[in-house]
């Protein structure tokens, strides 16, 4: 679980909007990307993001 203070200052690196924590990922609902959290560390790299639209359309 990500600290609430850290979660408040984190933003999507693509669109700069806020993100929400869901399970082991940080989700940007604006651009529909999911960023992994590994060992409690958010991996906010564009190359590491999972495209939610492609995942939901399978």
N, C-alpha and C. Protein backbone atom coordinates (compact mmCIF):
# COMPACT_ATOMS: atom_id res chain seq x y z
N UNK A 1 0.84 -1.18 0.00
CA UNK A 1 0.00 0.00 0.00
C UNK A 1 0.89 1.25 0.00
N UNK A 2 0.56 2.17 -0.87
CA UNK A 2 1.29 3.42 -1.00
C UNK A 2 0.82 4.40 0.07
N UNK A 3 1.77 5.12 0.67
CA UNK A 3 1.46 6.14 1.65
C UNK A 3 0.53 7.19 1.02
N UNK A 4 -0.50 7.58 1.75
CA UNK A 4 -1.50 8.52 1.20
C UNK A 4 -0.88 9.85 0.80
N UNK A 5 0.09 10.34 1.56
CA UNK A 5 0.74 11.61 1.21
C UNK A 5 1.50 11.49 -0.11
N UNK A 6 2.17 10.36 -0.31
CA UNK A 6 2.89 10.15 -1.56
C UNK A 6 1.89 10.03 -2.72
N UNK A 7 0.82 9.32 -2.51
CA UNK A 7 -0.19 9.14 -3.55
C UNK A 7 -0.79 10.47 -3.98
N UNK A 8 -0.91 11.41 -3.03
CA UNK A 8 -1.47 12.72 -3.37
C UNK A 8 -0.57 13.54 -4.28
N UNK A 9 0.74 13.33 -4.19
CA UNK A 9 1.64 14.14 -5.03
C UNK A 9 2.05 13.44 -6.32
N UNK A 10 1.80 12.14 -6.41
CA UNK A 10 2.12 11.42 -7.66
C UNK A 10 1.13 11.80 -8.75
N UNK A 11 1.63 11.85 -9.97
CA UNK A 11 0.78 12.14 -11.13
C UNK A 11 1.19 11.25 -12.28
N UNK A 12 0.28 11.03 -13.17
CA UNK A 12 0.57 10.24 -14.37
C UNK A 12 1.66 10.96 -15.18
N UNK A 13 2.72 10.25 -15.57
CA UNK A 13 3.78 10.90 -16.35
C UNK A 13 3.36 11.26 -17.77
N UNK A 14 2.25 10.73 -18.24
CA UNK A 14 1.79 11.04 -19.59
C UNK A 14 0.92 12.29 -19.60
N UNK A 15 -0.14 12.29 -18.80
CA UNK A 15 -1.11 13.40 -18.86
C UNK A 15 -1.05 14.33 -17.65
N UNK A 16 -0.26 13.96 -16.63
CA UNK A 16 -0.07 14.77 -15.42
C UNK A 16 -1.30 14.85 -14.53
N UNK A 17 -2.25 13.97 -14.73
CA UNK A 17 -3.46 13.95 -13.88
C UNK A 17 -3.25 13.02 -12.70
N UNK A 18 -4.18 13.04 -11.78
CA UNK A 18 -4.06 12.24 -10.57
C UNK A 18 -4.24 10.75 -10.88
N UNK A 19 -3.72 9.95 -9.95
CA UNK A 19 -3.80 8.50 -10.09
C UNK A 19 -4.44 7.92 -8.83
N UNK A 20 -4.94 6.71 -8.95
CA UNK A 20 -5.53 6.01 -7.81
C UNK A 20 -4.88 4.64 -7.68
N UNK A 21 -4.84 4.15 -6.46
CA UNK A 21 -4.25 2.85 -6.20
C UNK A 21 -5.33 1.78 -6.27
N UNK A 22 -5.04 0.74 -7.04
CA UNK A 22 -5.94 -0.42 -7.14
C UNK A 22 -5.07 -1.67 -7.13
N UNK A 23 -5.11 -2.39 -6.03
CA UNK A 23 -4.28 -3.59 -5.90
C UNK A 23 -2.82 -3.22 -5.92
N UNK A 24 -2.06 -3.86 -6.80
CA UNK A 24 -0.63 -3.60 -6.94
C UNK A 24 -0.32 -2.68 -8.11
N UNK A 25 -1.25 -1.80 -8.42
CA UNK A 25 -1.05 -0.87 -9.54
C UNK A 25 -1.56 0.51 -9.17
N UNK A 26 -1.03 1.49 -9.87
CA UNK A 26 -1.53 2.86 -9.80
C UNK A 26 -2.20 3.12 -11.14
N UNK A 27 -3.44 3.56 -11.09
CA UNK A 27 -4.26 3.69 -12.29
C UNK A 27 -4.48 5.16 -12.63
N UNK A 28 -4.27 5.49 -13.91
CA UNK A 28 -4.66 6.80 -14.43
C UNK A 28 -5.92 6.56 -15.25
N UNK A 29 -7.02 7.07 -14.76
CA UNK A 29 -8.28 6.87 -15.47
C UNK A 29 -8.39 7.77 -16.69
N UNK A 30 -7.65 8.88 -16.70
CA UNK A 30 -7.71 9.81 -17.83
C UNK A 30 -7.13 9.20 -19.10
N UNK A 31 -5.93 8.61 -19.00
CA UNK A 31 -5.33 8.04 -20.21
C UNK A 31 -5.34 6.51 -20.20
N UNK A 32 -6.03 5.95 -19.21
CA UNK A 32 -6.27 4.50 -19.14
C UNK A 32 -4.98 3.68 -19.15
N UNK A 33 -4.09 4.05 -18.22
CA UNK A 33 -2.83 3.33 -18.04
C UNK A 33 -2.74 2.84 -16.61
N UNK A 34 -2.04 1.73 -16.42
CA UNK A 34 -1.80 1.16 -15.09
C UNK A 34 -0.29 1.04 -14.89
N UNK A 35 0.20 1.61 -13.80
CA UNK A 35 1.61 1.56 -13.47
C UNK A 35 1.82 0.58 -12.32
N UNK A 36 2.81 -0.30 -12.43
CA UNK A 36 3.01 -1.31 -11.38
C UNK A 36 3.60 -0.71 -10.11
N UNK A 37 3.33 -1.39 -9.00
CA UNK A 37 3.97 -1.09 -7.72
C UNK A 37 4.72 -2.35 -7.34
N UNK A 38 6.04 -2.24 -7.21
CA UNK A 38 6.88 -3.40 -6.89
C UNK A 38 7.59 -3.15 -5.57
N UNK A 39 7.39 -4.06 -4.63
CA UNK A 39 7.99 -3.94 -3.30
C UNK A 39 7.67 -2.59 -2.66
N UNK A 40 6.46 -2.10 -2.88
CA UNK A 40 6.02 -0.84 -2.30
C UNK A 40 6.52 0.40 -3.02
N UNK A 41 7.19 0.22 -4.16
CA UNK A 41 7.74 1.34 -4.92
C UNK A 41 6.97 1.50 -6.22
N UNK A 42 6.35 2.68 -6.42
CA UNK A 42 5.63 2.91 -7.67
C UNK A 42 6.61 3.05 -8.84
N UNK A 43 6.36 2.32 -9.90
CA UNK A 43 7.20 2.37 -11.11
C UNK A 43 6.46 3.24 -12.13
N UNK A 44 6.76 4.53 -12.09
CA UNK A 44 6.04 5.51 -12.91
C UNK A 44 6.76 5.79 -14.23
N UNK A 45 7.14 4.73 -14.91
CA UNK A 45 7.80 4.84 -16.20
C UNK A 45 6.80 4.52 -17.30
N UNK A 46 6.78 5.34 -18.32
CA UNK A 46 5.83 5.15 -19.42
C UNK A 46 6.00 3.77 -20.05
N UNK A 47 7.24 3.33 -20.20
CA UNK A 47 7.50 2.01 -20.81
C UNK A 47 7.00 0.85 -19.96
N UNK A 48 6.80 1.06 -18.68
CA UNK A 48 6.33 0.01 -17.78
C UNK A 48 4.80 -0.01 -17.66
N UNK A 49 4.13 0.99 -18.19
CA UNK A 49 2.68 1.11 -18.05
C UNK A 49 1.95 0.05 -18.87
N UNK A 50 0.86 -0.41 -18.30
CA UNK A 50 -0.01 -1.37 -18.99
C UNK A 50 -1.21 -0.59 -19.52
N UNK A 51 -1.56 -0.83 -20.77
CA UNK A 51 -2.69 -0.16 -21.41
C UNK A 51 -3.99 -0.86 -20.98
N UNK A 52 -4.82 -0.18 -20.23
CA UNK A 52 -6.06 -0.77 -19.74
C UNK A 52 -7.05 -1.07 -20.85
N UNK A 53 -7.08 -0.27 -21.88
CA UNK A 53 -8.03 -0.51 -22.96
C UNK A 53 -7.70 -1.78 -23.73
N UNK A 54 -6.44 -2.06 -23.96
CA UNK A 54 -6.06 -3.28 -24.66
C UNK A 54 -6.34 -4.50 -23.80
N UNK A 55 -6.12 -4.38 -22.50
CA UNK A 55 -6.35 -5.49 -21.58
C UNK A 55 -7.85 -5.81 -21.49
N UNK A 56 -8.70 -4.79 -21.45
CA UNK A 56 -10.15 -5.00 -21.31
C UNK A 56 -10.80 -5.50 -22.59
N UNK A 57 -10.17 -5.30 -23.73
CA UNK A 57 -10.77 -5.70 -25.01
C UNK A 57 -10.43 -7.13 -25.41
N UNK A 58 -9.63 -7.83 -24.62
CA UNK A 58 -9.27 -9.21 -24.97
C UNK A 58 -10.38 -10.17 -24.72
